[in-house]
N, C-alpha and C. Protein backbone atom coordinates (compact mmCIF):
# COMPACT_ATOMS: atom_id res chain seq x y z
N MET A 1 25.38 180.84 75.58
CA MET A 1 24.94 182.32 77.24
C MET A 1 25.16 180.49 77.55
N GLU A 2 25.39 180.99 79.66
CA GLU A 2 25.07 179.59 80.01
C GLU A 2 23.55 179.88 80.44
N LEU A 3 23.46 178.28 80.00
CA LEU A 3 21.51 178.01 80.71
C LEU A 3 22.02 176.88 82.13
N ASP A 4 20.69 178.60 82.91
CA ASP A 4 20.62 178.47 84.52
C ASP A 4 19.83 176.97 84.67
N LEU A 5 20.38 176.15 85.36
CA LEU A 5 19.93 174.67 86.17
C LEU A 5 18.25 174.91 86.10
N GLN A 6 18.06 175.51 87.05
CA GLN A 6 16.70 175.50 87.68
C GLN A 6 15.60 175.67 85.82
N ASP A 7 16.61 176.54 85.53
CA ASP A 7 15.03 176.51 83.77
C ASP A 7 15.15 175.84 83.57
N ALA A 8 16.40 174.80 82.86
CA ALA A 8 16.41 173.45 82.61
C ALA A 8 15.38 172.32 83.16
N LEU A 9 15.92 172.21 84.61
CA LEU A 9 15.35 171.18 84.96
C LEU A 9 13.66 171.53 85.00
N ALA A 10 13.50 172.56 84.39
CA ALA A 10 11.63 173.20 84.64
C ALA A 10 11.33 172.76 82.90
N ASP A 11 12.50 173.27 82.09
CA ASP A 11 11.68 172.45 80.75
C ASP A 11 11.93 170.85 80.65
N SER A 12 12.63 170.67 81.18
CA SER A 12 12.48 169.26 81.21
C SER A 12 11.46 168.29 80.83
N PRO A 13 11.33 166.94 80.03
CA PRO A 13 9.93 166.72 80.40
C PRO A 13 9.91 165.75 81.83
N GLY A 14 10.65 165.40 82.12
CA GLY A 14 10.09 164.54 83.13
C GLY A 14 10.52 165.21 84.44
N GLY A 15 11.04 166.54 84.72
CA GLY A 15 11.41 167.38 85.98
C GLY A 15 12.93 166.08 86.02
N PRO A 16 13.13 165.98 87.84
CA PRO A 16 14.36 165.64 88.56
C PRO A 16 13.72 164.07 88.68
N ILE A 17 14.38 163.25 89.15
CA ILE A 17 14.02 161.69 88.86
C ILE A 17 14.03 161.72 90.22
N ALA A 18 12.54 160.45 90.85
CA ALA A 18 12.47 161.01 91.67
C ALA A 18 12.98 159.49 92.41
N ARG A 19 13.98 159.27 93.76
CA ARG A 19 14.66 158.94 94.61
C ARG A 19 14.10 158.13 95.47
N PRO A 20 13.64 157.18 96.23
CA PRO A 20 12.68 157.01 97.81
C PRO A 20 13.43 157.60 99.16
N SER A 21 13.26 158.42 99.07
CA SER A 21 13.77 158.35 100.96
C SER A 21 14.18 157.57 101.30
N LEU A 22 15.53 157.81 102.88
CA LEU A 22 15.73 156.19 102.95
C LEU A 22 14.36 156.61 104.25
N HIS A 23 13.83 157.51 104.42
CA HIS A 23 12.59 157.42 105.37
C HIS A 23 11.51 156.66 104.88
N ASP A 24 11.22 157.02 103.34
CA ASP A 24 10.72 156.06 102.89
C ASP A 24 11.11 154.08 102.55
N GLN A 25 11.55 154.10 102.02
CA GLN A 25 12.97 153.04 102.49
C GLN A 25 12.57 151.77 103.54
N ILE A 26 13.01 152.96 105.08
CA ILE A 26 12.74 151.73 106.48
C ILE A 26 11.53 151.54 106.72
N VAL A 27 10.15 152.97 106.11
CA VAL A 27 8.98 152.96 106.66
C VAL A 27 8.78 152.14 105.30
N SER A 28 8.89 151.26 104.41
CA SER A 28 8.33 150.04 103.86
C SER A 28 9.13 148.85 104.12
N ARG A 29 10.25 148.63 104.28
CA ARG A 29 10.48 147.54 105.52
C ARG A 29 10.13 146.98 106.37
N ILE A 30 9.77 148.26 106.86
CA ILE A 30 9.20 147.55 108.39
C ILE A 30 7.25 147.18 108.06
N ARG A 31 7.35 148.56 107.19
CA ARG A 31 5.33 147.27 106.55
C ARG A 31 5.17 146.66 106.44
N ASP A 32 6.25 146.32 105.53
CA ASP A 32 6.61 144.67 104.89
C ASP A 32 6.07 143.49 106.12
N MET A 33 7.13 143.68 107.29
CA MET A 33 7.93 142.89 108.07
C MET A 33 6.21 142.80 109.28
N VAL A 34 5.69 143.77 109.46
CA VAL A 34 4.53 144.10 109.53
C VAL A 34 3.39 142.85 109.17
N ILE A 35 2.81 143.06 108.25
CA ILE A 35 2.13 142.91 106.48
C ILE A 35 2.26 141.20 106.84
N GLU A 36 3.83 141.14 106.78
CA GLU A 36 3.90 139.51 106.65
C GLU A 36 4.35 139.00 108.04
N GLY A 37 4.10 139.70 109.04
CA GLY A 37 4.27 138.65 110.34
C GLY A 37 5.12 138.35 111.16
N VAL A 38 6.07 139.05 109.82
CA VAL A 38 7.58 138.72 110.54
C VAL A 38 7.49 139.82 112.19
N LEU A 39 6.99 140.74 112.02
CA LEU A 39 6.75 141.27 113.59
C LEU A 39 5.28 141.76 113.74
N SER A 40 5.20 140.66 114.27
CA SER A 40 3.69 139.68 114.79
C SER A 40 3.09 140.92 115.83
N ALA A 41 1.61 140.42 116.01
CA ALA A 41 0.93 141.38 116.57
C ALA A 41 1.16 141.33 118.20
N GLY A 42 1.30 142.34 118.22
CA GLY A 42 1.12 142.45 119.98
C GLY A 42 3.06 142.91 120.71
N ALA A 43 3.29 142.20 119.05
CA ALA A 43 5.30 142.14 119.96
C ALA A 43 6.02 143.36 119.67
N ARG A 44 6.84 143.77 120.91
CA ARG A 44 7.64 144.88 120.76
C ARG A 44 8.03 145.24 120.31
N ILE A 45 8.50 146.59 119.62
CA ILE A 45 9.05 146.41 118.25
C ILE A 45 10.91 146.72 119.06
N HIS A 46 11.93 146.51 119.53
CA HIS A 46 13.37 146.98 119.51
C HIS A 46 13.98 147.60 119.04
N GLU A 47 14.45 148.44 119.20
CA GLU A 47 14.87 149.46 117.85
C GLU A 47 16.52 149.09 117.87
N GLY A 48 17.31 148.97 118.62
CA GLY A 48 18.35 148.44 118.52
C GLY A 48 18.14 147.60 117.78
N GLN A 49 18.32 146.34 117.84
CA GLN A 49 18.13 145.23 116.80
C GLN A 49 17.39 145.46 116.01
N LEU A 50 16.53 145.92 115.72
CA LEU A 50 15.93 145.83 114.49
C LEU A 50 16.30 147.18 113.41
N GLY A 51 17.16 148.17 114.17
CA GLY A 51 18.38 148.89 113.62
C GLY A 51 19.27 148.74 112.78
N ALA A 52 20.13 147.90 113.55
CA ALA A 52 20.77 147.16 113.45
C ALA A 52 20.54 146.37 112.21
N GLN A 53 19.40 145.30 112.31
CA GLN A 53 19.31 145.02 111.02
C GLN A 53 18.54 145.66 109.88
N LEU A 54 18.10 146.51 110.14
CA LEU A 54 18.20 147.16 108.96
C LEU A 54 19.57 147.81 108.49
N GLY A 55 20.26 148.30 109.13
CA GLY A 55 21.62 149.38 108.94
C GLY A 55 21.20 150.53 109.47
N VAL A 56 20.37 150.85 109.78
CA VAL A 56 20.00 152.27 110.04
C VAL A 56 20.05 152.85 111.34
N SER A 57 20.20 153.92 112.00
CA SER A 57 20.43 154.88 112.99
C SER A 57 19.12 154.78 113.53
N ARG A 58 19.52 155.27 115.10
CA ARG A 58 18.59 155.45 115.66
C ARG A 58 17.20 156.83 115.11
N THR A 59 17.43 157.50 114.60
CA THR A 59 16.67 158.86 114.82
C THR A 59 16.07 158.77 113.22
N PRO A 60 16.56 157.97 112.07
CA PRO A 60 15.65 157.90 111.19
C PRO A 60 14.91 156.39 111.76
N LEU A 61 14.87 155.76 112.57
CA LEU A 61 14.15 154.39 112.82
C LEU A 61 12.81 155.23 113.67
N ARG A 62 12.73 155.96 113.87
CA ARG A 62 12.01 156.22 115.26
C ARG A 62 11.17 157.15 114.33
N GLU A 63 11.88 158.47 113.87
CA GLU A 63 10.95 158.68 112.81
C GLU A 63 9.94 157.84 112.09
N ALA A 64 10.29 156.99 111.50
CA ALA A 64 9.99 155.50 110.53
C ALA A 64 8.31 155.24 111.71
N LEU A 65 8.73 155.02 112.64
CA LEU A 65 8.21 154.01 113.80
C LEU A 65 6.85 155.05 113.88
N LYS A 66 7.56 156.63 113.93
CA LYS A 66 6.16 157.07 114.19
C LYS A 66 5.54 157.53 112.99
N TYR A 67 5.67 157.28 112.10
CA TYR A 67 4.84 157.38 110.62
C TYR A 67 3.91 156.48 110.38
N LEU A 68 4.45 154.84 110.90
CA LEU A 68 3.95 153.91 111.10
C LEU A 68 2.74 153.34 111.66
N ALA A 69 3.20 154.21 113.13
CA ALA A 69 1.89 154.70 114.15
C ALA A 69 0.78 155.58 113.65
N SER A 70 0.70 156.63 112.94
CA SER A 70 -0.32 157.40 111.99
C SER A 70 -0.65 156.55 111.45
N GLU A 71 0.02 155.58 110.71
CA GLU A 71 -0.86 155.01 110.01
C GLU A 71 -1.77 153.29 110.18
N GLY A 72 -1.48 153.60 111.77
CA GLY A 72 -2.25 152.52 112.95
C GLY A 72 -1.75 150.99 112.67
N LEU A 73 -0.48 151.32 112.40
CA LEU A 73 -0.02 149.55 112.34
C LEU A 73 0.50 149.89 113.38
N LEU A 74 1.11 150.33 113.89
CA LEU A 74 1.78 150.70 115.17
C LEU A 74 0.99 151.63 116.20
N ASP A 75 1.47 150.96 117.58
CA ASP A 75 1.07 152.08 118.49
C ASP A 75 2.19 152.30 119.54
N LEU A 76 2.35 153.89 120.10
CA LEU A 76 3.73 154.27 120.17
C LEU A 76 3.33 153.81 121.85
N VAL A 77 3.91 153.02 122.87
CA VAL A 77 3.19 153.10 124.58
C VAL A 77 4.26 153.45 124.93
N PRO A 78 3.77 154.47 126.19
CA PRO A 78 4.89 154.92 126.96
C PRO A 78 5.87 153.74 128.11
N GLY A 79 6.88 153.74 127.92
CA GLY A 79 7.95 152.70 128.79
C GLY A 79 8.21 152.05 127.89
N ARG A 80 6.81 151.63 126.85
CA ARG A 80 7.70 150.00 126.49
C ARG A 80 8.33 150.24 124.50
N GLY A 81 7.67 152.01 124.45
CA GLY A 81 8.10 151.95 123.07
C GLY A 81 6.95 151.97 122.03
N ALA A 82 7.66 151.09 120.84
CA ALA A 82 6.70 150.13 119.44
C ALA A 82 6.09 149.62 119.73
N VAL A 83 5.01 149.40 119.63
CA VAL A 83 3.88 147.57 119.89
C VAL A 83 3.33 147.70 118.54
N VAL A 84 3.33 146.49 117.77
CA VAL A 84 2.51 146.48 117.31
C VAL A 84 1.03 146.33 117.09
N LYS A 85 0.66 146.52 116.11
CA LYS A 85 -1.35 147.19 116.71
C LYS A 85 -1.47 145.84 116.77
N ARG A 86 -2.78 145.43 117.68
CA ARG A 86 -3.13 143.97 117.71
C ARG A 86 -4.83 144.63 117.89
N PHE A 87 -5.52 144.40 117.15
CA PHE A 87 -7.22 144.73 116.86
C PHE A 87 -7.97 143.52 117.37
N SER A 88 -9.01 143.77 118.28
CA SER A 88 -10.19 142.75 118.40
C SER A 88 -10.56 142.15 116.31
N ALA A 89 -11.39 141.47 117.12
CA ALA A 89 -11.95 140.88 116.24
C ALA A 89 -13.65 141.79 115.40
N LYS A 90 -13.88 142.55 117.02
CA LYS A 90 -14.75 143.28 116.75
C LYS A 90 -14.31 144.44 115.62
N GLU A 91 -13.58 144.77 116.36
CA GLU A 91 -12.68 145.74 115.86
C GLU A 91 -11.88 145.73 114.43
N VAL A 92 -11.86 144.71 113.92
CA VAL A 92 -11.95 144.05 112.52
C VAL A 92 -13.38 144.24 111.69
N GLN A 93 -14.05 143.54 112.57
CA GLN A 93 -15.41 143.78 111.70
C GLN A 93 -16.15 144.81 111.15
N ASP A 94 -16.12 145.81 112.22
CA ASP A 94 -16.47 147.24 112.11
C ASP A 94 -15.91 147.75 111.14
N MET A 95 -14.67 147.30 110.99
CA MET A 95 -13.58 148.22 109.74
C MET A 95 -13.77 147.52 108.83
N LEU A 96 -14.06 146.54 108.85
CA LEU A 96 -14.26 145.82 106.91
C LEU A 96 -16.01 146.21 107.01
N ALA A 97 -17.11 146.18 107.45
CA ALA A 97 -18.42 146.63 107.34
C ALA A 97 -18.23 148.23 106.82
N VAL A 98 -17.22 149.40 107.44
CA VAL A 98 -17.10 150.42 106.91
C VAL A 98 -16.91 150.50 105.41
N LEU A 99 -15.39 150.02 105.33
CA LEU A 99 -15.00 149.64 104.48
C LEU A 99 -15.63 149.09 102.89
N GLY A 100 -17.10 148.26 103.05
CA GLY A 100 -17.87 147.63 102.52
C GLY A 100 -18.82 148.46 101.79
N LEU A 101 -19.13 149.80 102.29
CA LEU A 101 -20.10 150.84 102.25
C LEU A 101 -19.26 152.23 101.42
N LEU A 102 -18.12 152.32 102.02
CA LEU A 102 -17.12 152.81 101.44
C LEU A 102 -16.97 152.98 99.82
N GLU A 103 -16.26 151.48 99.80
CA GLU A 103 -15.77 151.09 98.32
C GLU A 103 -17.04 151.23 97.65
N ALA A 104 -18.38 150.25 97.97
CA ALA A 104 -19.28 150.29 97.21
C ALA A 104 -20.09 151.80 96.94
N GLU A 105 -19.64 152.81 97.81
CA GLU A 105 -19.89 154.25 96.94
C GLU A 105 -19.02 154.63 95.94
N ALA A 106 -18.16 154.15 96.33
CA ALA A 106 -16.79 154.50 95.59
C ALA A 106 -16.88 154.01 94.42
N GLY A 107 -17.49 152.53 94.51
CA GLY A 107 -17.83 151.71 93.05
C GLY A 107 -18.75 152.03 92.19
N ARG A 108 -20.02 153.43 92.48
CA ARG A 108 -21.09 153.83 91.96
C ARG A 108 -21.00 154.94 91.15
N LEU A 109 -19.59 156.01 91.88
CA LEU A 109 -19.30 157.31 91.52
C LEU A 109 -18.16 156.96 90.06
N ALA A 110 -16.81 155.62 90.79
CA ALA A 110 -16.56 155.40 89.39
C ALA A 110 -16.94 155.13 88.13
N CYS A 111 -18.86 154.06 88.16
CA CYS A 111 -18.61 153.69 86.64
C CYS A 111 -19.15 154.58 86.83
N ALA A 112 -19.66 156.41 87.29
CA ALA A 112 -20.15 157.46 86.45
C ALA A 112 -19.36 157.62 86.14
N ASP A 113 -18.14 158.18 86.57
CA ASP A 113 -17.24 159.92 86.30
C ASP A 113 -15.83 159.39 86.53
N ALA A 114 -14.99 158.11 86.15
CA ALA A 114 -14.04 157.90 86.04
C ALA A 114 -13.50 157.79 84.78
N SER A 115 -12.64 158.07 83.93
CA SER A 115 -12.50 158.48 82.63
C SER A 115 -11.96 157.28 81.85
N ASP A 116 -11.79 156.66 80.75
CA ASP A 116 -11.87 155.44 80.20
C ASP A 116 -10.54 155.00 80.26
N SER A 117 -9.00 156.27 80.45
CA SER A 117 -7.64 155.92 80.75
C SER A 117 -7.80 155.06 82.02
N GLY A 118 -8.71 156.52 83.19
CA GLY A 118 -8.21 155.71 84.43
C GLY A 118 -8.74 153.89 85.35
N ILE A 119 -9.74 153.96 83.82
CA ILE A 119 -10.56 152.73 84.31
C ILE A 119 -9.34 151.46 83.24
N ARG A 120 -8.69 151.87 82.37
CA ARG A 120 -8.02 151.32 81.70
C ARG A 120 -6.34 151.28 82.68
N GLU A 121 -5.84 151.78 83.54
CA GLU A 121 -4.74 151.70 84.76
C GLU A 121 -5.37 151.06 85.85
N VAL A 122 -6.28 151.13 85.98
CA VAL A 122 -7.40 149.51 86.98
C VAL A 122 -6.91 147.71 85.84
N ARG A 123 -7.65 148.51 85.22
CA ARG A 123 -7.27 147.41 84.50
C ARG A 123 -5.43 146.65 84.20
N GLY A 124 -4.77 147.67 83.83
CA GLY A 124 -3.31 147.13 83.81
C GLY A 124 -3.29 146.36 85.49
N LEU A 125 -3.69 147.66 86.81
CA LEU A 125 -2.79 146.38 88.27
C LEU A 125 -3.64 145.98 88.22
N HIS A 126 -4.86 145.36 88.17
CA HIS A 126 -4.99 143.57 87.58
C HIS A 126 -4.71 142.77 87.25
N ASP A 127 -4.26 143.17 85.79
CA ASP A 127 -3.31 142.14 85.54
C ASP A 127 -2.19 141.47 85.70
N ARG A 128 -1.48 142.85 85.95
CA ARG A 128 0.20 142.54 87.27
C ARG A 128 -0.12 141.80 88.47
N MET A 129 -1.43 141.62 88.64
CA MET A 129 -1.33 141.28 90.25
C MET A 129 -1.31 140.26 89.94
N LEU A 130 -2.50 139.79 88.52
CA LEU A 130 -2.52 137.90 88.30
C LEU A 130 -1.45 137.17 88.09
N GLN A 131 -0.29 138.70 87.76
CA GLN A 131 0.46 137.62 87.27
C GLN A 131 1.62 137.27 88.79
N HIS A 132 1.59 138.22 89.49
CA HIS A 132 2.13 137.67 90.53
C HIS A 132 1.13 136.62 91.74
N TYR A 133 0.09 136.97 91.53
CA TYR A 133 -0.74 135.54 91.88
C TYR A 133 -0.55 134.33 90.75
N GLU A 134 -0.27 133.98 89.98
CA GLU A 134 0.18 132.79 89.10
C GLU A 134 1.12 132.10 89.57
N ARG A 135 2.27 132.94 89.65
CA ARG A 135 3.35 132.58 90.36
C ARG A 135 4.27 132.47 92.49
N ARG A 136 2.83 132.48 92.42
CA ARG A 136 2.43 132.40 94.25
C ARG A 136 3.64 133.62 94.89
N GLU A 137 2.93 134.73 94.06
CA GLU A 137 4.25 135.47 95.44
C GLU A 137 3.50 136.21 96.31
N ARG A 138 3.02 135.85 97.17
CA ARG A 138 1.62 136.93 98.15
C ARG A 138 2.43 138.50 97.90
N LEU A 139 3.33 138.65 98.59
CA LEU A 139 3.42 140.26 99.19
C LEU A 139 2.85 141.15 97.78
N GLU A 140 3.60 140.86 97.03
CA GLU A 140 3.65 141.61 95.54
C GLU A 140 2.27 141.33 95.27
N TYR A 141 1.70 140.26 94.88
CA TYR A 141 -0.03 140.25 94.91
C TYR A 141 -0.80 140.78 95.71
N PHE A 142 0.08 140.67 96.99
CA PHE A 142 -0.93 141.68 98.27
C PHE A 142 -1.36 143.15 97.96
N LYS A 143 0.16 143.57 97.29
CA LYS A 143 0.23 145.23 97.15
C LYS A 143 -0.53 145.48 96.23
N LEU A 144 -0.59 144.56 95.10
CA LEU A 144 -1.31 145.18 93.77
C LEU A 144 -2.60 144.99 94.41
N ASN A 145 -3.26 144.45 95.09
CA ASN A 145 -4.61 143.52 95.26
C ASN A 145 -4.75 145.18 96.01
N GLN A 146 -4.52 145.82 97.50
CA GLN A 146 -4.43 146.66 97.77
C GLN A 146 -4.56 148.28 96.62
N ALA A 147 -3.79 148.36 96.19
CA ALA A 147 -3.45 148.75 94.87
C ALA A 147 -4.90 149.80 94.07
N ILE A 148 -5.57 148.02 94.32
CA ILE A 148 -6.41 148.22 93.43
C ILE A 148 -7.97 149.23 93.59
N HIS A 149 -7.92 148.92 94.93
CA HIS A 149 -8.94 149.11 95.82
C HIS A 149 -8.75 150.36 96.19
N SER A 150 -7.38 150.65 96.06
CA SER A 150 -7.04 152.30 96.12
C SER A 150 -7.42 153.72 94.66
N ALA A 151 -7.47 152.42 93.95
CA ALA A 151 -6.91 153.33 92.36
C ALA A 151 -9.09 153.14 92.60
N ILE A 152 -9.81 152.50 92.54
CA ILE A 152 -11.11 152.59 92.61
C ILE A 152 -11.75 153.31 93.03
N LEU A 153 -10.77 153.96 94.51
CA LEU A 153 -11.63 154.86 95.05
C LEU A 153 -11.24 156.16 94.93
N ARG A 154 -10.08 156.41 94.28
CA ARG A 154 -9.58 157.55 93.64
C ARG A 154 -10.59 157.99 92.30
N LEU A 155 -11.08 156.80 91.63
CA LEU A 155 -11.68 156.64 90.29
C LEU A 155 -13.24 157.99 90.89
N SER A 156 -13.36 157.40 92.11
CA SER A 156 -14.65 158.02 91.82
C SER A 156 -14.52 159.69 92.62
N GLY A 157 -13.53 160.31 92.85
CA GLY A 157 -13.35 161.55 92.90
C GLY A 157 -13.91 162.81 94.26
N ASN A 158 -14.47 161.55 95.08
CA ASN A 158 -14.05 161.74 96.49
C ASN A 158 -13.44 162.16 96.95
N ALA A 159 -12.71 162.82 97.27
CA ALA A 159 -11.45 162.94 98.96
C ALA A 159 -11.97 162.58 99.74
N ALA A 160 -13.03 162.90 100.19
CA ALA A 160 -13.79 162.16 101.26
C ALA A 160 -13.20 160.49 101.70
N LEU A 161 -14.14 160.39 100.81
CA LEU A 161 -13.83 158.80 100.80
C LEU A 161 -12.41 158.35 101.04
N VAL A 162 -12.13 158.42 99.80
CA VAL A 162 -10.37 158.28 99.40
C VAL A 162 -9.32 158.40 101.18
N THR A 163 -9.92 159.58 101.65
CA THR A 163 -8.53 159.99 102.93
C THR A 163 -9.57 158.54 104.09
N VAL A 164 -10.61 158.73 103.94
CA VAL A 164 -10.70 157.93 105.34
C VAL A 164 -10.71 156.17 104.65
N HIS A 165 -11.18 155.85 104.01
CA HIS A 165 -10.91 154.52 103.13
C HIS A 165 -9.10 154.27 103.46
N GLY A 166 -8.57 155.28 102.85
CA GLY A 166 -7.40 154.84 103.22
C GLY A 166 -6.48 154.37 104.53
N ILE A 167 -7.42 155.26 105.56
CA ILE A 167 -6.92 155.26 106.74
C ILE A 167 -7.12 153.47 107.51
N LEU A 168 -8.66 153.10 106.93
CA LEU A 168 -8.94 152.26 107.52
C LEU A 168 -8.49 151.53 106.71
N GLN A 169 -7.63 151.59 105.14
CA GLN A 169 -7.30 150.24 104.75
C GLN A 169 -5.46 149.68 105.10
N SER A 170 -5.30 151.48 106.01
CA SER A 170 -3.73 151.08 106.70
C SER A 170 -3.65 149.82 107.63
N ARG A 171 -4.75 150.56 108.67
CA ARG A 171 -5.14 149.92 109.44
C ARG A 171 -4.97 148.18 109.18
N LEU A 172 -5.68 147.82 108.63
CA LEU A 172 -6.16 146.33 108.33
C LEU A 172 -4.95 145.68 107.30
N LYS A 173 -4.24 146.24 107.21
CA LYS A 173 -3.29 145.16 106.09
C LYS A 173 -2.58 144.16 106.39
N ARG A 174 -2.66 144.29 107.71
CA ARG A 174 -1.85 143.10 108.55
C ARG A 174 -3.19 142.14 108.39
N ILE A 175 -3.73 141.82 108.89
CA ILE A 175 -5.08 141.31 108.80
C ILE A 175 -5.67 140.71 107.78
N ARG A 176 -5.17 141.33 106.72
CA ARG A 176 -6.28 140.66 105.74
C ARG A 176 -5.10 140.33 104.52
N PHE A 177 -3.59 140.83 105.07
CA PHE A 177 -2.73 140.09 104.12
C PHE A 177 -2.45 138.21 104.33
N ILE A 178 -3.41 137.62 105.90
CA ILE A 178 -3.16 136.70 106.16
C ILE A 178 -4.56 136.02 106.04
N GLY A 179 -5.66 136.94 105.48
CA GLY A 179 -6.92 135.78 105.37
C GLY A 179 -6.17 135.53 103.96
N ASN A 180 -5.61 135.59 103.03
CA ASN A 180 -5.40 134.62 101.85
C ASN A 180 -4.21 133.56 101.61
N GLY A 181 -4.91 132.86 103.25
CA GLY A 181 -4.20 132.16 103.53
C GLY A 181 -3.82 130.30 103.35
N SER A 182 -4.73 130.25 102.78
CA SER A 182 -5.18 128.72 101.85
C SER A 182 -5.33 129.03 100.42
N GLU A 183 -5.02 128.41 99.60
CA GLU A 183 -4.84 128.74 98.63
C GLU A 183 -6.58 128.61 98.04
N GLU A 184 -7.35 127.78 98.54
CA GLU A 184 -9.48 127.81 98.43
C GLU A 184 -9.59 129.41 99.03
N LYS A 185 -9.20 130.51 99.58
CA LYS A 185 -9.54 131.61 100.53
C LYS A 185 -8.34 132.57 98.95
N TRP A 186 -7.68 132.19 99.08
CA TRP A 186 -6.74 133.01 97.89
C TRP A 186 -7.85 132.82 96.29
N ALA A 187 -7.89 131.90 96.27
CA ALA A 187 -8.52 132.17 94.33
C ALA A 187 -9.93 132.64 94.37
N ALA A 188 -10.47 132.67 95.86
CA ALA A 188 -12.01 133.31 95.95
C ALA A 188 -11.95 134.45 96.12
N ALA A 189 -10.94 135.06 96.29
CA ALA A 189 -10.55 136.51 96.47
C ALA A 189 -10.47 136.89 95.01
N VAL A 190 -9.15 136.38 94.22
CA VAL A 190 -9.15 136.71 93.41
C VAL A 190 -10.14 136.36 92.13
N ALA A 191 -10.66 135.60 92.67
CA ALA A 191 -12.05 134.95 91.95
C ALA A 191 -13.49 136.88 91.37
N ASP A 192 -13.27 137.35 93.03
CA ASP A 192 -14.14 138.40 93.19
C ASP A 192 -13.35 140.08 92.23
N HIS A 193 -12.25 139.51 92.34
CA HIS A 193 -12.06 140.88 91.81
C HIS A 193 -11.68 140.42 90.20
N GLU A 194 -11.41 139.79 89.80
CA GLU A 194 -11.98 139.53 88.35
C GLU A 194 -13.17 140.08 87.92
N GLU A 195 -14.86 139.65 88.56
CA GLU A 195 -15.60 140.27 88.78
C GLU A 195 -15.61 141.98 89.06
N MET A 196 -14.75 142.45 89.87
CA MET A 196 -15.13 144.00 90.14
C MET A 196 -14.67 144.13 88.87
N ILE A 197 -13.64 144.03 87.74
CA ILE A 197 -13.04 144.09 86.83
C ILE A 197 -13.90 144.87 85.64
N ALA A 198 -14.12 143.70 85.76
CA ALA A 198 -15.31 143.82 84.22
C ALA A 198 -16.75 144.26 84.82
N ALA A 199 -16.94 144.39 85.58
CA ALA A 199 -18.27 145.78 85.95
C ALA A 199 -17.99 146.71 86.63
N LEU A 200 -16.62 147.10 86.01
CA LEU A 200 -16.07 148.63 86.20
C LEU A 200 -16.39 148.84 84.69
N GLU A 201 -14.80 147.94 84.14
CA GLU A 201 -15.21 148.08 82.64
C GLU A 201 -16.24 148.51 82.12
N ALA A 202 -17.18 148.15 82.39
CA ALA A 202 -18.62 147.82 81.98
C ALA A 202 -19.91 149.02 82.57
N ARG A 203 -18.71 149.72 83.38
CA ARG A 203 -19.58 150.88 84.11
C ARG A 203 -21.13 150.06 84.42
N ASP A 204 -21.08 149.79 84.62
CA ASP A 204 -21.73 149.06 85.54
C ASP A 204 -22.42 149.04 87.09
N PRO A 205 -22.80 150.86 87.72
CA PRO A 205 -22.51 150.89 89.06
C PRO A 205 -23.27 150.22 89.88
N GLU A 206 -24.37 149.25 89.72
CA GLU A 206 -25.35 148.63 90.91
C GLU A 206 -24.34 147.18 91.21
N ARG A 207 -23.70 146.42 90.21
CA ARG A 207 -23.32 145.27 90.06
C ARG A 207 -21.44 145.47 90.57
N LEU A 208 -20.66 146.68 90.65
CA LEU A 208 -19.51 146.65 91.20
C LEU A 208 -20.16 147.03 92.56
N ALA A 209 -20.87 147.81 92.67
CA ALA A 209 -21.31 147.67 94.51
C ALA A 209 -21.61 146.98 95.09
N ALA A 210 -21.84 145.88 94.64
CA ALA A 210 -22.76 144.89 94.92
C ALA A 210 -21.72 143.64 95.04
N ILE A 211 -20.42 143.87 93.96
CA ILE A 211 -19.23 142.96 94.66
C ILE A 211 -18.15 143.37 95.07
N LEU A 212 -18.15 144.73 94.99
CA LEU A 212 -17.26 145.28 96.53
C LEU A 212 -17.73 145.03 97.95
N SER A 213 -19.51 145.39 98.14
CA SER A 213 -19.58 145.14 98.73
C SER A 213 -19.46 143.37 100.19
N ARG A 214 -20.02 142.87 98.52
CA ARG A 214 -19.78 141.88 99.58
C ARG A 214 -17.86 140.70 99.48
N HIS A 215 -17.23 141.25 98.18
CA HIS A 215 -16.27 141.36 98.78
C HIS A 215 -15.54 141.90 100.18
N MET A 216 -16.14 142.82 100.76
CA MET A 216 -15.66 142.96 102.51
C MET A 216 -15.77 141.85 103.30
N ALA A 217 -17.73 141.52 103.03
CA ALA A 217 -18.37 140.68 104.14
C ALA A 217 -17.52 139.71 104.07
N GLU A 218 -17.05 139.18 103.03
CA GLU A 218 -16.27 137.90 102.13
C GLU A 218 -14.90 137.72 103.39
N SER A 219 -14.21 138.89 103.22
CA SER A 219 -13.07 139.55 103.67
C SER A 219 -13.05 138.64 105.09
N TRP A 220 -14.23 139.37 106.02
CA TRP A 220 -14.03 139.67 107.07
C TRP A 220 -14.09 137.37 107.67
N ASN A 221 -14.97 136.56 105.86
CA ASN A 221 -14.81 135.33 106.72
C ASN A 221 -14.12 134.52 106.26
N ARG A 222 -12.75 135.67 105.74
CA ARG A 222 -11.50 135.38 106.01
C ARG A 222 -10.44 134.80 106.75
N VAL A 223 -10.55 136.40 107.13
CA VAL A 223 -9.91 136.53 108.27
C VAL A 223 -10.21 136.36 109.36
N ARG A 224 -11.50 135.66 109.82
CA ARG A 224 -11.67 135.52 111.03
C ARG A 224 -10.61 134.84 112.28
N ASP A 225 -10.75 134.01 111.32
CA ASP A 225 -9.99 132.30 112.94
C ASP A 225 -8.57 132.82 112.23
N ALA A 226 -7.62 134.07 112.29
CA ALA A 226 -6.86 133.95 112.24
C ALA A 226 -6.79 135.20 112.98
N ILE A 227 -7.53 136.09 113.43
CA ILE A 227 -6.84 136.95 114.52
C ILE A 227 -6.75 136.49 115.69
C-alpha cells in the first residue's frame, strides 16, 4: 500500500526540516548591519544600493524594511523611505530603566517557576557566549547575550512581560551593541552575566532581581557616551 506523504511527515520524529525564508535572511542581514553600525543612526537606506549589495529585488527588501520598522530599528519616513532609528539619550535611559524593572520581576518569577531543564538551557547559552567572548567575536557574543536575557524572560512564564521586554530589547539592540566597545566595559558585562547565571542556578530570586536591575543601570553608563 502506498504511504501518504503527509502521514509520513506527521509520523516522522522531527517533521519537515525548517529552512530560513528569504525574508528571514534579508531581515537578519539588515538587522546585523544596523546593530554593527554599518547602517548608522539617522542614515537613509538607499533601496537600490542595498538591494544590489544583498542580491535581492526591491519587493522582498521593502517587506524586510517594514518588518524592521515594526521592531523599532528603522523609521519609515514619507518622501525619504527607511531611515535608521535615532534615539535621544533620554529615550534610551527611559527604556533601559523599564527593562531593568521587567527583568528584575522576570528573574524573581523564573527562580520560582522555571524547570531545571530550562535553567540548564540558559547555562548552555551562557557557556557558548563565553566562548565567543574569549575569541572576541563581538556580534556572535552579543546575539547570545540578548538570547540569555530573552530566555530568562521566557522562564518567568509571564507572556505580557515577554512581549513588552521583546519590543524594548529590539529597539535597543544597536545602542547596547556599541555599549561594549571597550575591553573594560565588555569584561564588566560578562562579569554581570556570570553573577546572573549563578543566582538563577541557586534559585535566589532577590539576588537575581538585584543583579538584573543593576546590570541595566550599568548598561546606561556603558552606552551614554556613544549616543
